[in-house]
Each structure stands twice: as structure tokens, then as C-alpha cells.
Amino acid sequence: MAWLEYLLPLIFLFPLAAMAVIVVALRNLHDARVSSPFDAHPLRGPGQALRDRLDNAFAGLFLDGALGPIVVLAPMVYGMGRMLFADSQNWLEWSLYGGLSTALVLICCLRLIRDFQRIRRLKLGLACELAVGQELQRLVRPETHPFFIFHDIPADTYTIDHVAVTPHGVFVIETRARIQPLDARGVPQSQVAVEPNRLRFPGWSERKPLLKTRQATTWLHQWLSRECGTEVPVVGILALPGWNIESREAPVDIQVVDGDRLADLITQTRLAPLPDELHEHINQALMRRGTHLLPAHIAGPSL
């Protein structure tokens, strides 16, 4: 029967299929997420959202790197099986198998390049998140000066990178990582001009970072005001670690900084004094909002 010539070669694909099943089963072998020993909730630290995305990116790289050769070999293995069972050799058919394997090699290479670029961007973003989080740790003060830092606060459809609760206001800190382009001499261009509604980087401009910071600030102000039953002063800060900020035309509602002296900026910026009761209410509201968060307690009642 002629159809057996096409069905029987599938036997040679069973070992490849078994290897593919093992690879898929092991895709989450590297998972750095940990859970609390008290309530089994996932613990979240600075840049946790980026850590999770980086874990997923490494899992994707593992799948593409391990499944790629298996998928590429499948047409060739099937074709060799066809050669054993076929009565005559059809070179057009063998060319089809070879062309299909070549196309799969190209697709696999493109996916690996995409995974590498994605991991590179995520690692840069995580490095900036950790740098800003480390700078915020400098807010440590005595008991009479309570500062609280929360990381990765979930909003409606996104997460807020950092929230600092101080005795004189609440600060939303958004972090953005951008690769500095090189000039003709190979020197990084690190100057960014801040305008009311956009950032002018060397060679391109962006509006989304300022828009996202305003969106997060507005959302947190409205949400805290509802939760606390009174107006809560909230201001937004956009941190661009490693960049030189030109702020002559900077907006008045958002402060754009390089993150180097972020702790001093938050300490010296006085929005409005927060009574102790309101200060505690804000902290409790943020804790309820992110029950899975790992807050950085900086001098004050234990969280």
C-alpha cells in the first residue's frame, strides 16, 4: 500500500518526540522565585517583575536552544526513513525535506537572536531597578524618622516600580533603562534632554516614560485618597540611571533624575506633613494592596 511509505517513516520520529517532551517538561527547571515560609505567598523584592520576565526569557531561550535542533532534524530524519521504504528515489521530494530543514534553521537562529536581545534588555532593566532600590536603602533613619519603601506595587493593569512613604509625602519612583548609543569615536552619548511631555535621547525621543510616571502618580494619589478618606500628597519621580539629565525644560509635576542622589532628593522634598495616623494608614493600605509584596522596612513599626 502506497500510504504505508509515508506512514512507516514516522517511527523514526518517536525518539525526537520523546526528547521534545523531556525538554518541555524541564523548561521551568530554572525558577528563582521563592515563597514565604509563613503563608506560602510569593516574595517580591526590587525589580521582581523584571526578575520574573527574565526567568521567562531564559526559559524561552532554553526551549529555542533545545527544541530547535530537534525540529530542524525532524524533516531530515523523516526523509531518511522515506528512503528506506520508498520503491524509487524522488529527488524533488528530498529537496523539499532539505529546504524545509534549512528554513527551520533560519527560524531557529532568528528566535535565538531575539531571545538574546530580550535577555540583554531585561538584564539592563533589572540592573537599573536594583541600582535605584539600593539607592533608596540610604533612606535609613532613626525611629523618629520613619521611611517605608515598597517595590512592585500592582496597579490596575501594570506595576509601579517603587513607592516611598515618608513623613512629608508619598513618592512614586519609576525606573527606565536605555542603552547609550556610541558616537563616531566610540564614546557613549549619555545626555538626555527633558521636555514637558517627552525625553530627547541622542537619536530618538520617547513620550511613554513620562506618561507612565504621570499615570502611576495619578492612580496612586486617587487610590490612596479613597483608601484613607483624605487627600494624600503624591509626587512622581522618573529615574534614568547612568544618564546625564538636562532639565531646563523639565515638567513641574515630575522630577527626572539619574538616580545617583535619589535618597537625598526624597529626604529634602517636602510635600506636606503626614500625621502619624495617616502615615500608618497609608502603609497598611499599601500592604493590603500587595499582600504578596516584600516591603523594605526602613525605620518604623515592623511590617
C-alpha atoms as a PDB file:
ATOM      1  CA  MET A   1       0.000   0.000   0.000  1.00  0.00           C
ATOM      2  CA  ALA A   2       1.447   3.338  -1.070  1.00  0.00           C
ATOM      3  CA  TRP A   3       0.320   5.201   2.034  1.00  0.00           C
ATOM      4  CA  LEU A   4       2.497   2.959   4.206  1.00  0.00           C
ATOM      5  CA  GLU A   5       5.551   4.508   2.549  1.00  0.00           C
ATOM      6  CA  TYR A   6       4.599   7.817   4.216  1.00  0.00           C
ATOM      7  CA  LEU A   7       3.311   6.379   7.493  1.00  0.00           C
ATOM      8  CA  LEU A   8       6.092   3.975   8.465  1.00  0.00           C
ATOM      9  CA  PRO A   9       8.896   6.625   8.435  1.00  0.00           C
ATOM     10  CA  LEU A  10       7.088   8.309  11.344  1.00  0.00           C
ATOM     11  CA  ILE A  11       8.576   5.567  13.539  1.00  0.00           C
ATOM     12  CA  PHE A  12      11.963   7.293  13.237  1.00  0.00           C
ATOM     13  CA  LEU A  13      10.465  10.489  14.703  1.00  0.00           C
ATOM     14  CA  PHE A  14       9.458   8.861  18.009  1.00  0.00           C
ATOM     15  CA  PRO A  15      12.900   9.365  19.679  1.00  0.00           C
ATOM     16  CA  LEU A  16      12.883  13.030  18.661  1.00  0.00           C
ATOM     17  CA  ALA A  17       9.341  13.409  20.013  1.00  0.00           C
ATOM     18  CA  ALA A  18      10.399  11.824  23.324  1.00  0.00           C
ATOM     19  CA  MET A  19      13.318  14.268  23.601  1.00  0.00           C
ATOM     20  CA  ALA A  20      10.968  17.181  22.857  1.00  0.00           C
ATOM     21  CA  VAL A  21       8.610  16.072  25.638  1.00  0.00           C
ATOM     22  CA  ILE A  22      11.519  15.953  28.108  1.00  0.00           C
ATOM     23  CA  VAL A  23      12.704  19.421  27.067  1.00  0.00           C
ATOM     24  CA  VAL A  24       9.233  20.926  27.515  1.00  0.00           C
ATOM     25  CA  ALA A  25       8.889  19.238  30.916  1.00  0.00           C
ATOM     26  CA  LEU A  26      12.208  20.767  32.036  1.00  0.00           C
ATOM     27  CA  ARG A  27      11.538  24.274  30.732  1.00  0.00           C
ATOM     28  CA  ASN A  28      10.879  25.672  34.246  1.00  0.00           C
ATOM     29  CA  LEU A  29      13.855  23.933  35.825  1.00  0.00           C
ATOM     30  CA  HIS A  30      15.456  27.323  36.498  1.00  0.00           C
ATOM     31  CA  ASP A  31      12.933  29.288  38.542  1.00  0.00           C
ATOM     32  CA  ALA A  32      14.370  31.780  41.031  1.00  0.00           C
ATOM     33  CA  ARG A  33      11.018  32.716  42.562  1.00  0.00           C
ATOM     34  CA  VAL A  34      10.673  31.927  46.260  1.00  0.00           C
ATOM     35  CA  SER A  35       7.660  31.815  48.581  1.00  0.00           C
ATOM     36  CA  SER A  36       7.206  32.936  52.150  1.00  0.00           C
ATOM     37  CA  PRO A  37       7.571  30.159  54.760  1.00  0.00           C
ATOM     38  CA  PHE A  38       4.741  31.789  56.737  1.00  0.00           C
ATOM     39  CA  ASP A  39       1.863  32.000  54.253  1.00  0.00           C
ATOM     40  CA  ALA A  40       3.327  30.447  51.035  1.00  0.00           C
ATOM     41  CA  HIS A  41       2.812  33.720  49.157  1.00  0.00           C
ATOM     42  CA  PRO A  42       5.492  34.638  46.589  1.00  0.00           C
ATOM     43  CA  LEU A  43       8.025  37.110  47.998  1.00  0.00           C
ATOM     44  CA  ARG A  44       8.701  40.191  45.899  1.00  0.00           C
ATOM     45  CA  GLY A  45      11.778  42.368  46.111  1.00  0.00           C
ATOM     46  CA  PRO A  46      13.143  45.246  43.999  1.00  0.00           C
ATOM     47  CA  GLY A  47      12.632  44.596  40.293  1.00  0.00           C
ATOM     48  CA  GLN A  48      10.680  41.388  40.929  1.00  0.00           C
ATOM     49  CA  ALA A  49       8.528  41.888  37.833  1.00  0.00           C
ATOM     50  CA  LEU A  50      11.696  42.110  35.738  1.00  0.00           C
ATOM     51  CA  ARG A  51      13.139  39.065  37.521  1.00  0.00           C
ATOM     52  CA  ASP A  52      10.041  37.081  36.561  1.00  0.00           C
ATOM     53  CA  ARG A  53      10.263  38.272  32.961  1.00  0.00           C
ATOM     54  CA  LEU A  54      13.974  37.399  32.917  1.00  0.00           C
ATOM     55  CA  ASP A  55      13.182  33.885  34.173  1.00  0.00           C
ATOM     56  CA  ASN A  56      10.604  33.526  31.402  1.00  0.00           C
ATOM     57  CA  ALA A  57      13.133  34.817  28.863  1.00  0.00           C
ATOM     58  CA  PHE A  58      15.713  32.241  29.980  1.00  0.00           C
ATOM     59  CA  ALA A  59      13.042  29.543  29.791  1.00  0.00           C
ATOM     60  CA  GLY A  60      12.285  30.669  26.218  1.00  0.00           C
ATOM     61  CA  LEU A  61      15.989  30.594  25.362  1.00  0.00           C
ATOM     62  CA  PHE A  62      16.224  27.073  26.777  1.00  0.00           C
ATOM     63  CA  LEU A  63      13.248  25.924  24.711  1.00  0.00           C
ATOM     64  CA  ASP A  64      14.505  27.506  21.495  1.00  0.00           C
ATOM     65  CA  GLY A  65      18.046  26.215  22.025  1.00  0.00           C
ATOM     66  CA  ALA A  66      16.964  22.678  22.904  1.00  0.00           C
ATOM     67  CA  LEU A  67      13.902  22.233  20.690  1.00  0.00           C
ATOM     68  CA  GLY A  68      15.480  23.991  17.711  1.00  0.00           C
ATOM     69  CA  PRO A  69      17.850  21.149  16.719  1.00  0.00           C
ATOM     70  CA  ILE A  70      15.091  18.586  17.289  1.00  0.00           C
ATOM     71  CA  VAL A  71      12.683  20.419  14.995  1.00  0.00           C
ATOM     72  CA  VAL A  72      15.408  21.018  12.407  1.00  0.00           C
ATOM     73  CA  LEU A  73      16.343  17.326  12.307  1.00  0.00           C
ATOM     74  CA  ALA A  74      12.754  16.104  12.044  1.00  0.00           C
ATOM     75  CA  PRO A  75      12.350  16.609   8.241  1.00  0.00           C
ATOM     76  CA  MET A  76      15.763  15.059   7.554  1.00  0.00           C
ATOM     77  CA  VAL A  77      15.073  12.033   9.768  1.00  0.00           C
ATOM     78  CA  TYR A  78      11.675  11.541   8.156  1.00  0.00           C
ATOM     79  CA  GLY A  79      13.259  11.876   4.725  1.00  0.00           C
ATOM     80  CA  MET A  80      15.871   9.203   5.507  1.00  0.00           C
ATOM     81  CA  GLY A  81      13.053   6.925   6.655  1.00  0.00           C
ATOM     82  CA  ARG A  82      11.253   7.566   3.390  1.00  0.00           C
ATOM     83  CA  MET A  83      14.389   6.490   1.515  1.00  0.00           C
ATOM     84  CA  LEU A  84      14.264   3.108   3.249  1.00  0.00           C
ATOM     85  CA  PHE A  85      10.632   2.388   2.403  1.00  0.00           C
ATOM     86  CA  ALA A  86      10.257   4.097  -0.992  1.00  0.00           C
ATOM     87  CA  ASP A  87      10.450   1.973  -4.140  1.00  0.00           C
ATOM     88  CA  SER A  88      12.074   4.763  -6.129  1.00  0.00           C
ATOM     89  CA  GLN A  89      14.022   7.927  -5.267  1.00  0.00           C
ATOM     90  CA  ASN A  90      12.238  11.214  -5.868  1.00  0.00           C
ATOM     91  CA  TRP A  91      14.879  13.945  -5.751  1.00  0.00           C
ATOM     92  CA  LEU A  92      12.267  16.682  -5.742  1.00  0.00           C
ATOM     93  CA  GLU A  93      10.874  15.235  -2.517  1.00  0.00           C
ATOM     94  CA  TRP A  94      14.351  15.019  -0.943  1.00  0.00           C
ATOM     95  CA  SER A  95      14.997  18.638  -1.970  1.00  0.00           C
ATOM     96  CA  LEU A  96      11.768  19.600  -0.229  1.00  0.00           C
ATOM     97  CA  TYR A  97      12.970  17.986   3.006  1.00  0.00           C
ATOM     98  CA  GLY A  98      16.323  19.749   2.732  1.00  0.00           C
ATOM     99  CA  GLY A  99      14.709  23.110   2.016  1.00  0.00           C
ATOM    100  CA  LEU A 100      12.333  22.692   4.951  1.00  0.00           C
ATOM    101  CA  SER A 101      15.234  21.921   7.307  1.00  0.00           C
ATOM    102  CA  THR A 102      17.123  24.973   6.022  1.00  0.00           C
ATOM    103  CA  ALA A 103      14.109  27.215   6.627  1.00  0.00           C
ATOM    104  CA  LEU A 104      13.732  25.809  10.144  1.00  0.00           C
ATOM    105  CA  VAL A 105      17.428  26.517  10.835  1.00  0.00           C
ATOM    106  CA  LEU A 106      16.917  30.161   9.838  1.00  0.00           C
ATOM    107  CA  ILE A 107      13.805  30.460  12.014  1.00  0.00           C
ATOM    108  CA  CYS A 108      15.638  28.883  14.956  1.00  0.00           C
ATOM    109  CA  CYS A 109      18.561  31.296  14.555  1.00  0.00           C
ATOM    110  CA  LEU A 110      16.231  34.307  14.421  1.00  0.00           C
ATOM    111  CA  ARG A 111      14.449  33.157  17.585  1.00  0.00           C
ATOM    112  CA  LEU A 112      17.766  32.696  19.399  1.00  0.00           C
ATOM    113  CA  ILE A 113      18.870  36.201  18.366  1.00  0.00           C
ATOM    114  CA  ARG A 114      15.538  37.581  19.590  1.00  0.00           C
ATOM    115  CA  ASP A 115      15.925  35.754  22.917  1.00  0.00           C
ATOM    116  CA  PHE A 116      19.471  37.080  23.351  1.00  0.00           C
ATOM    117  CA  GLN A 117      18.396  40.674  22.691  1.00  0.00           C
ATOM    118  CA  ARG A 118      15.417  40.321  25.026  1.00  0.00           C
ATOM    119  CA  ILE A 119      17.589  38.943  27.845  1.00  0.00           C
ATOM    120  CA  ARG A 120      20.107  41.744  27.313  1.00  0.00           C
ATOM    121  CA  ARG A 121      17.399  44.402  27.640  1.00  0.00           C
ATOM    122  CA  LEU A 122      15.856  42.754  30.682  1.00  0.00           C
ATOM    123  CA  LYS A 123      19.231  42.414  32.438  1.00  0.00           C
ATOM    124  CA  LEU A 124      19.905  46.106  31.840  1.00  0.00           C
ATOM    125  CA  GLY A 125      16.462  46.998  33.183  1.00  0.00           C
ATOM    126  CA  LEU A 126      16.964  44.791  36.243  1.00  0.00           C
ATOM    127  CA  ALA A 127      20.377  46.334  36.914  1.00  0.00           C
ATOM    128  CA  CYS A 128      18.809  49.805  36.891  1.00  0.00           C
ATOM    129  CA  GLU A 129      15.962  48.645  39.152  1.00  0.00           C
ATOM    130  CA  LEU A 130      18.435  47.196  41.659  1.00  0.00           C
ATOM    131  CA  ALA A 131      20.593  50.321  41.498  1.00  0.00           C
ATOM    132  CA  VAL A 132      17.603  52.527  42.303  1.00  0.00           C
ATOM    133  CA  GLY A 133      16.472  50.125  45.040  1.00  0.00           C
ATOM    134  CA  GLN A 134      19.947  50.214  46.571  1.00  0.00           C
ATOM    135  CA  GLU A 135      19.936  53.998  46.448  1.00  0.00           C
ATOM    136  CA  LEU A 136      16.582  54.026  48.241  1.00  0.00           C
ATOM    137  CA  GLN A 137      18.104  51.991  51.079  1.00  0.00           C
ATOM    138  CA  ARG A 138      20.062  55.108  52.021  1.00  0.00           C
ATOM    139  CA  LEU A 139      16.815  56.450  53.456  1.00  0.00           C
ATOM    140  CA  VAL A 140      17.546  54.549  56.688  1.00  0.00           C
ATOM    141  CA  ARG A 141      16.950  56.919  59.571  1.00  0.00           C
ATOM    142  CA  PRO A 142      16.278  56.683  63.339  1.00  0.00           C
ATOM    143  CA  GLU A 143      12.908  55.619  64.731  1.00  0.00           C
ATOM    144  CA  THR A 144      11.731  59.220  64.860  1.00  0.00           C
ATOM    145  CA  HIS A 145      12.087  59.500  61.084  1.00  0.00           C
ATOM    146  CA  PRO A 146      10.008  56.635  59.632  1.00  0.00           C
ATOM    147  CA  PHE A 147      10.523  55.852  55.972  1.00  0.00           C
ATOM    148  CA  PHE A 148       8.936  52.890  54.195  1.00  0.00           C
ATOM    149  CA  ILE A 149       9.841  51.549  50.747  1.00  0.00           C
ATOM    150  CA  PHE A 150       7.550  49.245  48.718  1.00  0.00           C
ATOM    151  CA  HIS A 151       8.599  47.568  45.477  1.00  0.00           C
ATOM    152  CA  ASP A 152       6.449  46.446  42.532  1.00  0.00           C
ATOM    153  CA  ILE A 153       3.098  47.774  43.723  1.00  0.00           C
ATOM    154  CA  PRO A 154       0.349  46.328  41.469  1.00  0.00           C
ATOM    155  CA  ALA A 155      -1.920  48.951  39.903  1.00  0.00           C
ATOM    156  CA  ASP A 156      -4.882  48.183  37.633  1.00  0.00           C
ATOM    157  CA  THR A 157      -3.026  46.874  34.566  1.00  0.00           C
ATOM    158  CA  TYR A 158       0.633  47.476  35.436  1.00  0.00           C
ATOM    159  CA  THR A 159       3.046  47.621  38.361  1.00  0.00           C
ATOM    160  CA  ILE A 160       4.633  50.647  39.990  1.00  0.00           C
ATOM    161  CA  ASP A 161       8.366  50.121  40.368  1.00  0.00           C
ATOM    162  CA  HIS A 162       8.844  51.724  43.809  1.00  0.00           C
ATOM    163  CA  VAL A 163       6.790  53.699  46.329  1.00  0.00           C
ATOM    164  CA  ALA A 164       8.451  55.642  49.159  1.00  0.00           C
ATOM    165  CA  VAL A 165       6.277  56.667  52.110  1.00  0.00           C
ATOM    166  CA  THR A 166       7.880  59.431  54.157  1.00  0.00           C
ATOM    167  CA  PRO A 167       6.661  61.725  56.972  1.00  0.00           C
ATOM    168  CA  HIS A 168       6.236  64.506  54.414  1.00  0.00           C
ATOM    169  CA  GLY A 169       4.600  62.778  51.420  1.00  0.00           C
ATOM    170  CA  VAL A 170       4.427  59.761  49.141  1.00  0.00           C
ATOM    171  CA  PHE A 171       6.782  59.344  46.180  1.00  0.00           C
ATOM    172  CA  VAL A 172       6.228  57.212  43.083  1.00  0.00           C
ATOM    173  CA  ILE A 173       9.573  56.162  41.573  1.00  0.00           C
ATOM    174  CA  GLU A 174       9.574  54.749  38.049  1.00  0.00           C
ATOM    175  CA  THR A 175      12.824  53.405  36.584  1.00  0.00           C
ATOM    176  CA  ARG A 176      13.700  53.195  32.900  1.00  0.00           C
ATOM    177  CA  ALA A 177      16.799  51.583  31.378  1.00  0.00           C
ATOM    178  CA  ARG A 178      18.091  52.687  27.984  1.00  0.00           C
ATOM    179  CA  ILE A 179      21.284  51.673  26.172  1.00  0.00           C
ATOM    180  CA  GLN A 180      23.545  54.649  25.483  1.00  0.00           C
ATOM    181  CA  PRO A 181      24.467  54.944  21.789  1.00  0.00           C
ATOM    182  CA  LEU A 182      28.073  55.430  20.715  1.00  0.00           C
ATOM    183  CA  ASP A 183      29.363  58.348  18.672  1.00  0.00           C
ATOM    184  CA  ALA A 184      31.860  58.065  15.800  1.00  0.00           C
ATOM    185  CA  ARG A 185      34.746  57.763  18.282  1.00  0.00           C
ATOM    186  CA  GLY A 186      33.047  55.015  20.266  1.00  0.00           C
ATOM    187  CA  VAL A 187      32.238  57.279  23.239  1.00  0.00           C
ATOM    188  CA  PRO A 188      28.813  56.714  24.865  1.00  0.00           C
ATOM    189  CA  GLN A 189      26.360  59.587  24.423  1.00  0.00           C
ATOM    190  CA  SER A 190      24.693  59.964  27.797  1.00  0.00           C
ATOM    191  CA  GLN A 191      22.920  63.320  27.522  1.00  0.00           C
ATOM    192  CA  VAL A 192      19.116  63.310  27.670  1.00  0.00           C
ATOM    193  CA  ALA A 193      17.023  66.474  27.451  1.00  0.00           C
ATOM    194  CA  VAL A 194      13.787  66.538  29.439  1.00  0.00           C
ATOM    195  CA  GLU A 195      10.804  68.351  27.967  1.00  0.00           C
ATOM    196  CA  PRO A 196       7.308  68.691  29.458  1.00  0.00           C
ATOM    197  CA  ASN A 197       5.957  65.679  27.539  1.00  0.00           C
ATOM    198  CA  ARG A 198       8.950  63.779  26.157  1.00  0.00           C
ATOM    199  CA  LEU A 199      12.538  62.752  26.654  1.00  0.00           C
ATOM    200  CA  ARG A 200      15.051  63.571  23.919  1.00  0.00           C
ATOM    201  CA  PHE A 201      17.728  60.873  23.816  1.00  0.00           C
ATOM    202  CA  PRO A 202      20.649  61.019  21.353  1.00  0.00           C
ATOM    203  CA  GLY A 203      18.996  59.999  18.090  1.00  0.00           C
ATOM    204  CA  TRP A 204      15.436  59.369  19.310  1.00  0.00           C
ATOM    205  CA  SER A 205      12.742  60.664  21.646  1.00  0.00           C
ATOM    206  CA  GLU A 206      10.181  58.993  23.909  1.00  0.00           C
ATOM    207  CA  ARG A 207       6.922  60.097  25.496  1.00  0.00           C
ATOM    208  CA  LYS A 208       5.900  56.864  27.233  1.00  0.00           C
ATOM    209  CA  PRO A 209       8.201  57.067  30.325  1.00  0.00           C
ATOM    210  CA  LEU A 210       6.796  60.457  31.369  1.00  0.00           C
ATOM    211  CA  LEU A 211       3.260  59.336  30.520  1.00  0.00           C
ATOM    212  CA  LYS A 212       3.644  56.149  32.566  1.00  0.00           C
ATOM    213  CA  THR A 213       5.044  58.084  35.535  1.00  0.00           C
ATOM    214  CA  ARG A 214       2.139  60.537  35.425  1.00  0.00           C
ATOM    215  CA  GLN A 215      -0.317  57.659  35.097  1.00  0.00           C
ATOM    216  CA  ALA A 216       1.159  55.836  38.096  1.00  0.00           C
ATOM    217  CA  THR A 217       1.267  59.019  40.193  1.00  0.00           C
ATOM    218  CA  THR A 218      -2.348  59.900  39.399  1.00  0.00           C
ATOM    219  CA  TRP A 219      -3.538  56.359  40.073  1.00  0.00           C
ATOM    220  CA  LEU A 220      -1.738  56.103  43.428  1.00  0.00           C
ATOM    221  CA  HIS A 221      -2.962  59.542  44.526  1.00  0.00           C
ATOM    222  CA  GLN A 222      -6.587  58.687  43.747  1.00  0.00           C
ATOM    223  CA  TRP A 223      -6.355  55.196  45.233  1.00  0.00           C
ATOM    224  CA  LEU A 224      -4.690  56.305  48.482  1.00  0.00           C
ATOM    225  CA  SER A 225      -7.131  59.187  48.847  1.00  0.00           C
ATOM    226  CA  ARG A 226     -10.041  56.741  48.575  1.00  0.00           C
ATOM    227  CA  GLU A 227      -8.434  54.239  50.945  1.00  0.00           C
ATOM    228  CA  CYS A 228      -7.510  56.840  53.556  1.00  0.00           C
ATOM    229  CA  GLY A 229     -10.576  59.064  53.200  1.00  0.00           C
ATOM    230  CA  THR A 230      -8.461  62.209  52.757  1.00  0.00           C
ATOM    231  CA  GLU A 231      -6.126  63.823  50.266  1.00  0.00           C
ATOM    232  CA  VAL A 232      -2.679  62.217  50.207  1.00  0.00           C
ATOM    233  CA  PRO A 233       0.207  64.180  48.650  1.00  0.00           C
ATOM    234  CA  VAL A 234       1.879  62.096  45.939  1.00  0.00           C
ATOM    235  CA  VAL A 235       4.620  63.143  43.522  1.00  0.00           C
ATOM    236  CA  GLY A 236       6.244  61.220  40.688  1.00  0.00           C
ATOM    237  CA  ILE A 237       9.960  60.693  40.070  1.00  0.00           C
ATOM    238  CA  LEU A 238      11.425  59.184  36.899  1.00  0.00           C
ATOM    239  CA  ALA A 239      14.887  57.669  37.346  1.00  0.00           C
ATOM    240  CA  LEU A 240      17.207  57.155  34.357  1.00  0.00           C
ATOM    241  CA  PRO A 241      20.309  55.504  35.861  1.00  0.00           C
ATOM    242  CA  GLY A 242      23.552  56.333  34.085  1.00  0.00           C
ATOM    243  CA  TRP A 243      22.215  59.292  32.074  1.00  0.00           C
ATOM    244  CA  ASN A 244      23.107  62.987  32.364  1.00  0.00           C
ATOM    245  CA  ILE A 245      19.844  64.863  32.778  1.00  0.00           C
ATOM    246  CA  GLU A 246      19.309  68.235  31.095  1.00  0.00           C
ATOM    247  CA  SER A 247      16.260  69.596  32.900  1.00  0.00           C
ATOM    248  CA  ARG A 248      15.925  73.201  31.754  1.00  0.00           C
ATOM    249  CA  GLU A 249      12.501  72.464  30.213  1.00  0.00           C
ATOM    250  CA  ALA A 250      11.537  69.713  32.651  1.00  0.00           C
ATOM    251  CA  PRO A 251       7.863  69.379  33.673  1.00  0.00           C
ATOM    252  CA  VAL A 252       6.833  70.777  37.035  1.00  0.00           C
ATOM    253  CA  ASP A 253       4.806  67.719  38.083  1.00  0.00           C
ATOM    254  CA  ILE A 254       7.538  65.089  37.573  1.00  0.00           C
ATOM    255  CA  GLN A 255      11.160  65.105  38.653  1.00  0.00           C
ATOM    256  CA  VAL A 256      13.563  63.340  36.275  1.00  0.00           C
ATOM    257  CA  VAL A 257      16.830  62.257  37.902  1.00  0.00           C
ATOM    258  CA  ASP A 258      19.748  59.944  37.182  1.00  0.00           C
ATOM    259  CA  GLY A 259      19.119  58.069  40.427  1.00  0.00           C
ATOM    260  CA  ASP A 260      22.501  58.831  41.988  1.00  0.00           C
ATOM    261  CA  ARG A 261      21.192  61.093  44.765  1.00  0.00           C
ATOM    262  CA  LEU A 262      17.636  59.826  44.827  1.00  0.00           C
ATOM    263  CA  ALA A 263      17.580  59.273  48.601  1.00  0.00           C
ATOM    264  CA  ASP A 264      18.711  62.852  49.264  1.00  0.00           C
ATOM    265  CA  LEU A 265      16.075  64.180  46.841  1.00  0.00           C
ATOM    266  CA  ILE A 266      13.270  62.298  48.596  1.00  0.00           C
ATOM    267  CA  THR A 267      14.505  63.367  52.030  1.00  0.00           C
ATOM    268  CA  GLN A 268      14.751  67.040  51.086  1.00  0.00           C
ATOM    269  CA  THR A 269      11.472  67.260  49.116  1.00  0.00           C
ATOM    270  CA  ARG A 270       8.699  68.374  51.464  1.00  0.00           C
ATOM    271  CA  LEU A 271       5.202  67.925  50.051  1.00  0.00           C
ATOM    272  CA  ALA A 272       3.002  68.119  53.153  1.00  0.00           C
ATOM    273  CA  PRO A 273       3.417  66.743  56.675  1.00  0.00           C
ATOM    274  CA  LEU A 274       1.678  63.402  57.193  1.00  0.00           C
ATOM    275  CA  PRO A 275       0.191  62.817  60.656  1.00  0.00           C
ATOM    276  CA  ASP A 276       1.288  59.575  62.292  1.00  0.00           C
ATOM    277  CA  GLU A 277      -2.188  58.070  61.945  1.00  0.00           C
ATOM    278  CA  LEU A 278      -2.364  58.884  58.214  1.00  0.00           C
ATOM    279  CA  HIS A 279       1.204  57.659  57.729  1.00  0.00           C
ATOM    280  CA  GLU A 280       0.299  54.305  59.269  1.00  0.00           C
ATOM    281  CA  HIS A 281      -2.953  54.139  57.303  1.00  0.00           C
ATOM    282  CA  ILE A 282      -1.034  54.613  54.038  1.00  0.00           C
ATOM    283  CA  ASN A 283       1.397  51.842  54.933  1.00  0.00           C
ATOM    284  CA  GLN A 284      -1.423  49.455  55.816  1.00  0.00           C
ATOM    285  CA  ALA A 285      -3.258  50.280  52.580  1.00  0.00           C
ATOM    286  CA  LEU A 286      -0.160  49.535  50.510  1.00  0.00           C
ATOM    287  CA  MET A 287       0.332  46.276  52.388  1.00  0.00           C
ATOM    288  CA  ARG A 288      -3.259  45.243  51.650  1.00  0.00           C
ATOM    289  CA  ARG A 289      -2.833  46.193  48.003  1.00  0.00           C
ATOM    290  CA  GLY A 290       0.185  43.973  47.605  1.00  0.00           C
ATOM    291  CA  THR A 291      -0.233  41.085  50.038  1.00  0.00           C
ATOM    292  CA  HIS A 292       2.451  39.227  48.080  1.00  0.00           C
ATOM    293  CA  LEU A 293       4.973  42.032  48.357  1.00  0.00           C
ATOM    294  CA  LEU A 294       8.156  42.004  50.369  1.00  0.00           C
ATOM    295  CA  PRO A 295       8.329  45.618  51.663  1.00  0.00           C
ATOM    296  CA  ALA A 296      11.646  47.137  52.576  1.00  0.00           C
ATOM    297  CA  HIS A 297      11.096  48.382  56.115  1.00  0.00           C
ATOM    298  CA  ILE A 298      13.146  51.427  56.777  1.00  0.00           C
ATOM    299  CA  ALA A 299      12.904  52.621  60.372  1.00  0.00           C
ATOM    300  CA  GLY A 300       9.407  52.434  61.776  1.00  0.00           C
ATOM    301  CA  PRO A 301       6.871  49.876  63.021  1.00  0.00           C
ATOM    302  CA  SER A 302       7.526  46.341  61.861  1.00  0.00           C
ATOM    303  CA  LEU A 303       5.818  45.262  58.642  1.00  0.00           C
END
